[in-house]
N, C-alpha and C. Protein backbone atom coordinates (compact mmCIF):
# COMPACT_ATOMS: atom_id res chain seq x y z
N MET A 1 20.45 72.47 -64.45
CA MET A 1 19.47 71.47 -64.80
C MET A 1 20.15 70.15 -65.13
N LYS A 2 21.29 70.22 -65.86
CA LYS A 2 22.00 69.00 -66.21
C LYS A 2 22.53 68.30 -64.97
N LYS A 3 23.04 69.08 -63.99
CA LYS A 3 23.54 68.48 -62.76
C LYS A 3 22.41 67.79 -62.01
N PHE A 4 21.24 68.41 -61.97
CA PHE A 4 20.09 67.83 -61.28
C PHE A 4 19.66 66.53 -61.97
N LEU A 5 19.62 66.54 -63.29
CA LEU A 5 19.24 65.35 -64.05
C LEU A 5 20.26 64.24 -63.84
N PHE A 6 21.55 64.58 -63.83
CA PHE A 6 22.59 63.59 -63.59
C PHE A 6 22.45 63.00 -62.19
N LEU A 7 22.22 63.84 -61.20
CA LEU A 7 22.05 63.38 -59.83
C LEU A 7 20.83 62.49 -59.70
N LEU A 8 19.76 62.84 -60.36
CA LEU A 8 18.53 62.06 -60.33
C LEU A 8 18.75 60.69 -60.97
N LEU A 9 19.42 60.64 -62.13
CA LEU A 9 19.68 59.38 -62.80
C LEU A 9 20.65 58.50 -62.00
N SER A 10 21.71 59.11 -61.47
CA SER A 10 22.68 58.31 -60.73
C SER A 10 22.07 57.75 -59.44
N THR A 11 21.21 58.51 -58.79
CA THR A 11 20.52 58.02 -57.60
C THR A 11 19.59 56.88 -57.97
N GLY A 12 18.92 57.00 -59.08
CA GLY A 12 18.03 55.92 -59.54
C GLY A 12 18.81 54.66 -59.87
N LEU A 13 19.98 54.81 -60.49
CA LEU A 13 20.81 53.65 -60.81
C LEU A 13 21.33 52.97 -59.55
N LEU A 14 21.74 53.77 -58.58
CA LEU A 14 22.21 53.18 -57.32
C LEU A 14 21.08 52.45 -56.61
N ALA A 15 19.90 53.01 -56.65
CA ALA A 15 18.77 52.36 -56.01
C ALA A 15 18.45 51.04 -56.70
N GLN A 16 18.63 50.98 -58.02
CA GLN A 16 18.38 49.74 -58.74
C GLN A 16 19.46 48.71 -58.46
N GLN A 17 20.69 49.16 -58.22
CA GLN A 17 21.78 48.21 -57.97
C GLN A 17 21.73 47.64 -56.56
N GLN A 18 21.16 48.35 -55.62
CA GLN A 18 21.13 47.89 -54.24
C GLN A 18 20.44 46.54 -54.07
N PRO A 19 19.26 46.28 -54.65
CA PRO A 19 18.67 44.96 -54.49
C PRO A 19 19.56 43.85 -55.05
N ASN A 20 20.30 44.13 -56.12
CA ASN A 20 21.20 43.12 -56.66
C ASN A 20 22.29 42.78 -55.66
N ALA A 21 22.84 43.78 -54.99
CA ALA A 21 23.87 43.53 -53.98
C ALA A 21 23.27 42.74 -52.82
N GLU A 22 22.06 43.10 -52.42
CA GLU A 22 21.39 42.37 -51.34
C GLU A 22 21.10 40.94 -51.77
N LYS A 23 20.74 40.75 -53.03
CA LYS A 23 20.46 39.40 -53.53
C LYS A 23 21.73 38.57 -53.53
N LEU A 24 22.86 39.16 -53.95
CA LEU A 24 24.13 38.44 -53.92
C LEU A 24 24.50 38.04 -52.50
N LYS A 25 24.31 38.95 -51.57
CA LYS A 25 24.60 38.66 -50.17
C LYS A 25 23.70 37.55 -49.66
N SER A 26 22.43 37.61 -50.01
CA SER A 26 21.48 36.59 -49.60
C SER A 26 21.83 35.23 -50.20
N ASP A 27 22.18 35.22 -51.50
CA ASP A 27 22.57 33.96 -52.16
C ASP A 27 23.82 33.38 -51.51
N PHE A 28 24.78 34.24 -51.19
CA PHE A 28 26.01 33.76 -50.55
C PHE A 28 25.69 33.14 -49.20
N ASN A 29 24.90 33.83 -48.39
CA ASN A 29 24.55 33.30 -47.07
C ASN A 29 23.77 32.01 -47.18
N SER A 30 22.89 31.93 -48.16
CA SER A 30 22.09 30.72 -48.37
C SER A 30 22.99 29.55 -48.74
N ASN A 31 23.92 29.76 -49.68
CA ASN A 31 24.83 28.71 -50.10
C ASN A 31 25.78 28.32 -48.97
N PHE A 32 26.23 29.31 -48.19
CA PHE A 32 27.14 29.03 -47.09
C PHE A 32 26.46 28.18 -46.03
N SER A 33 25.19 28.46 -45.76
CA SER A 33 24.49 27.70 -44.73
C SER A 33 24.13 26.30 -45.21
N LYS A 34 24.14 26.04 -46.53
CA LYS A 34 23.85 24.71 -47.06
C LYS A 34 25.05 23.79 -46.97
N GLN A 35 26.23 24.34 -46.72
CA GLN A 35 27.42 23.51 -46.65
C GLN A 35 27.28 22.57 -45.46
N GLN A 36 27.76 21.34 -45.67
CA GLN A 36 27.67 20.35 -44.61
C GLN A 36 28.72 20.62 -43.55
N THR A 37 28.38 20.30 -42.33
CA THR A 37 29.32 20.40 -41.24
C THR A 37 29.80 19.01 -40.88
N ALA A 38 30.98 18.93 -40.31
CA ALA A 38 31.53 17.64 -39.91
C ALA A 38 30.78 17.13 -38.69
N VAL A 39 30.36 15.89 -38.75
CA VAL A 39 29.67 15.25 -37.63
C VAL A 39 30.50 14.03 -37.25
N PHE A 40 30.80 13.88 -35.99
CA PHE A 40 31.57 12.75 -35.51
C PHE A 40 30.68 11.84 -34.69
N GLU A 41 30.80 10.54 -34.91
CA GLU A 41 30.08 9.56 -34.11
C GLU A 41 31.10 8.71 -33.39
N GLU A 42 30.80 8.38 -32.15
CA GLU A 42 31.72 7.56 -31.37
C GLU A 42 31.66 6.11 -31.83
N ASN A 43 32.80 5.47 -31.92
CA ASN A 43 32.87 4.06 -32.28
C ASN A 43 32.65 3.24 -31.00
N LYS A 44 31.53 2.57 -30.95
CA LYS A 44 31.20 1.71 -29.80
C LYS A 44 31.20 0.25 -30.23
N GLY A 45 32.14 -0.09 -31.12
CA GLY A 45 32.26 -1.45 -31.59
C GLY A 45 31.65 -1.71 -32.95
N GLN A 46 31.00 -0.72 -33.53
CA GLN A 46 30.34 -0.92 -34.83
C GLN A 46 31.32 -0.84 -36.00
N MET A 47 32.51 -0.28 -35.80
CA MET A 47 33.49 -0.17 -36.89
C MET A 47 34.19 -1.51 -37.09
N LYS A 48 34.20 -1.98 -38.34
CA LYS A 48 34.84 -3.24 -38.70
C LYS A 48 35.74 -3.00 -39.91
N ASP A 49 36.76 -3.85 -40.09
CA ASP A 49 37.60 -3.76 -41.27
C ASP A 49 37.01 -4.62 -42.38
N GLN A 50 37.74 -4.78 -43.48
CA GLN A 50 37.22 -5.52 -44.62
C GLN A 50 37.04 -7.01 -44.33
N ASN A 51 37.65 -7.51 -43.25
CA ASN A 51 37.50 -8.91 -42.86
C ASN A 51 36.53 -9.07 -41.68
N TRP A 52 35.75 -8.03 -41.43
CA TRP A 52 34.75 -7.99 -40.37
C TRP A 52 35.35 -8.11 -38.97
N GLN A 53 36.61 -7.69 -38.82
CA GLN A 53 37.25 -7.66 -37.52
C GLN A 53 37.04 -6.29 -36.89
N PRO A 54 36.82 -6.21 -35.57
CA PRO A 54 36.59 -4.91 -34.92
C PRO A 54 37.81 -3.99 -35.04
N ARG A 55 37.55 -2.70 -35.07
CA ARG A 55 38.60 -1.69 -35.15
C ARG A 55 38.56 -0.82 -33.89
N PRO A 56 39.10 -1.33 -32.78
CA PRO A 56 39.07 -0.54 -31.54
C PRO A 56 39.97 0.69 -31.58
N ASP A 57 40.89 0.77 -32.56
CA ASP A 57 41.76 1.95 -32.67
C ASP A 57 41.01 3.16 -33.22
N VAL A 58 39.84 2.95 -33.83
CA VAL A 58 39.04 4.07 -34.34
C VAL A 58 38.16 4.57 -33.19
N LEU A 59 38.39 5.80 -32.78
CA LEU A 59 37.63 6.37 -31.67
C LEU A 59 36.34 7.02 -32.15
N PHE A 60 36.44 7.81 -33.24
CA PHE A 60 35.29 8.50 -33.82
C PHE A 60 35.37 8.38 -35.33
N TYR A 61 34.22 8.51 -35.99
CA TYR A 61 34.19 8.45 -37.45
C TYR A 61 33.08 9.36 -37.95
N GLY A 62 33.14 9.65 -39.23
CA GLY A 62 32.11 10.47 -39.84
C GLY A 62 32.18 10.38 -41.34
N LYS A 63 31.20 11.00 -41.99
CA LYS A 63 31.12 10.97 -43.45
C LYS A 63 30.67 12.34 -43.91
N SER A 64 31.30 12.82 -44.97
CA SER A 64 30.92 14.06 -45.61
C SER A 64 30.99 13.81 -47.10
N GLU A 65 30.49 14.72 -47.91
CA GLU A 65 30.42 14.53 -49.36
C GLU A 65 31.67 13.90 -49.95
N GLY A 66 31.62 12.60 -50.23
CA GLY A 66 32.72 11.93 -50.89
C GLY A 66 33.91 11.60 -50.01
N MET A 67 33.79 11.76 -48.69
CA MET A 67 34.92 11.49 -47.81
C MET A 67 34.43 10.86 -46.51
N ASP A 68 35.06 9.76 -46.14
CA ASP A 68 34.87 9.16 -44.83
C ASP A 68 36.10 9.51 -44.01
N TYR A 69 35.93 9.84 -42.74
CA TYR A 69 37.07 10.20 -41.91
C TYR A 69 37.00 9.46 -40.59
N PHE A 70 38.17 9.16 -40.05
CA PHE A 70 38.28 8.35 -38.85
C PHE A 70 39.29 8.99 -37.90
N ILE A 71 38.88 9.27 -36.68
CA ILE A 71 39.78 9.76 -35.64
C ILE A 71 40.25 8.53 -34.90
N ARG A 72 41.56 8.29 -34.95
CA ARG A 72 42.12 7.07 -34.37
C ARG A 72 43.00 7.41 -33.18
N ASN A 73 43.49 6.38 -32.52
CA ASN A 73 44.37 6.57 -31.35
C ASN A 73 45.58 7.42 -31.69
N HIS A 74 46.14 7.22 -32.89
CA HIS A 74 47.40 7.88 -33.24
C HIS A 74 47.28 8.74 -34.49
N GLY A 75 46.15 9.39 -34.70
CA GLY A 75 46.03 10.28 -35.84
C GLY A 75 44.66 10.23 -36.51
N ILE A 76 44.63 10.76 -37.69
CA ILE A 76 43.40 10.85 -38.48
C ILE A 76 43.61 10.10 -39.79
N SER A 77 42.61 9.33 -40.19
CA SER A 77 42.63 8.67 -41.50
C SER A 77 41.40 9.12 -42.26
N TYR A 78 41.50 9.12 -43.59
CA TYR A 78 40.34 9.46 -44.40
C TYR A 78 40.36 8.63 -45.67
N GLN A 79 39.19 8.51 -46.25
CA GLN A 79 39.03 7.76 -47.50
C GLN A 79 38.16 8.59 -48.43
N LEU A 80 38.68 8.88 -49.62
CA LEU A 80 37.94 9.65 -50.62
C LEU A 80 37.27 8.70 -51.60
N SER A 81 36.09 9.09 -52.08
CA SER A 81 35.40 8.28 -53.08
C SER A 81 34.65 9.21 -54.03
N ARG A 82 34.39 8.69 -55.24
CA ARG A 82 33.62 9.45 -56.21
C ARG A 82 32.97 8.47 -57.18
N VAL A 83 31.90 8.89 -57.80
CA VAL A 83 31.20 8.08 -58.79
C VAL A 83 31.63 8.59 -60.16
N GLU A 84 32.23 7.72 -60.95
CA GLU A 84 32.66 8.12 -62.29
C GLU A 84 31.57 7.87 -63.32
N SER A 85 30.75 6.87 -63.11
CA SER A 85 29.63 6.62 -64.02
C SER A 85 28.60 5.77 -63.30
N TRP A 86 27.39 5.84 -63.77
CA TRP A 86 26.30 5.06 -63.21
C TRP A 86 25.93 3.96 -64.19
N LYS A 87 25.61 2.81 -63.67
CA LYS A 87 25.19 1.68 -64.49
C LYS A 87 23.67 1.70 -64.56
N GLU A 88 23.16 1.63 -65.78
CA GLU A 88 21.72 1.58 -65.95
C GLU A 88 21.22 0.17 -65.63
N GLU A 89 20.16 0.09 -64.84
CA GLU A 89 19.59 -1.21 -64.49
C GLU A 89 18.34 -1.43 -65.31
N GLU A 90 18.15 -2.66 -65.70
CA GLU A 90 16.95 -3.01 -66.43
C GLU A 90 15.83 -3.32 -65.45
N ALA A 91 14.63 -3.01 -65.83
CA ALA A 91 13.49 -3.30 -64.97
C ALA A 91 13.29 -4.81 -64.91
N ILE A 92 12.93 -5.28 -63.73
CA ILE A 92 12.69 -6.73 -63.55
C ILE A 92 11.31 -7.06 -64.12
N LYS A 93 11.29 -8.03 -65.03
CA LYS A 93 10.02 -8.46 -65.64
C LYS A 93 9.57 -9.72 -64.93
N GLY A 94 8.32 -9.75 -64.59
CA GLY A 94 7.90 -10.96 -63.90
C GLY A 94 6.46 -11.11 -63.76
């Protein structure tokens, strides 16, 4: 009788744990699919430097969370950015 009761309880516990494992798998897949993928756009003259001069050496460019990347004639360049604080703006009265 004790073996039967133990088997019954352990089977019940495993059945209760299974949805949790499925939920973890589902959460992982959901989070994985939310990750951004790299998208490249061709530079057709729209890329300019800080002096508004064209950058024909940039072939492709893209942007991802906090990073801009550039595929150039002779390699890859990237620029990282982050927001350290936000400035509160006052409402315009008028």
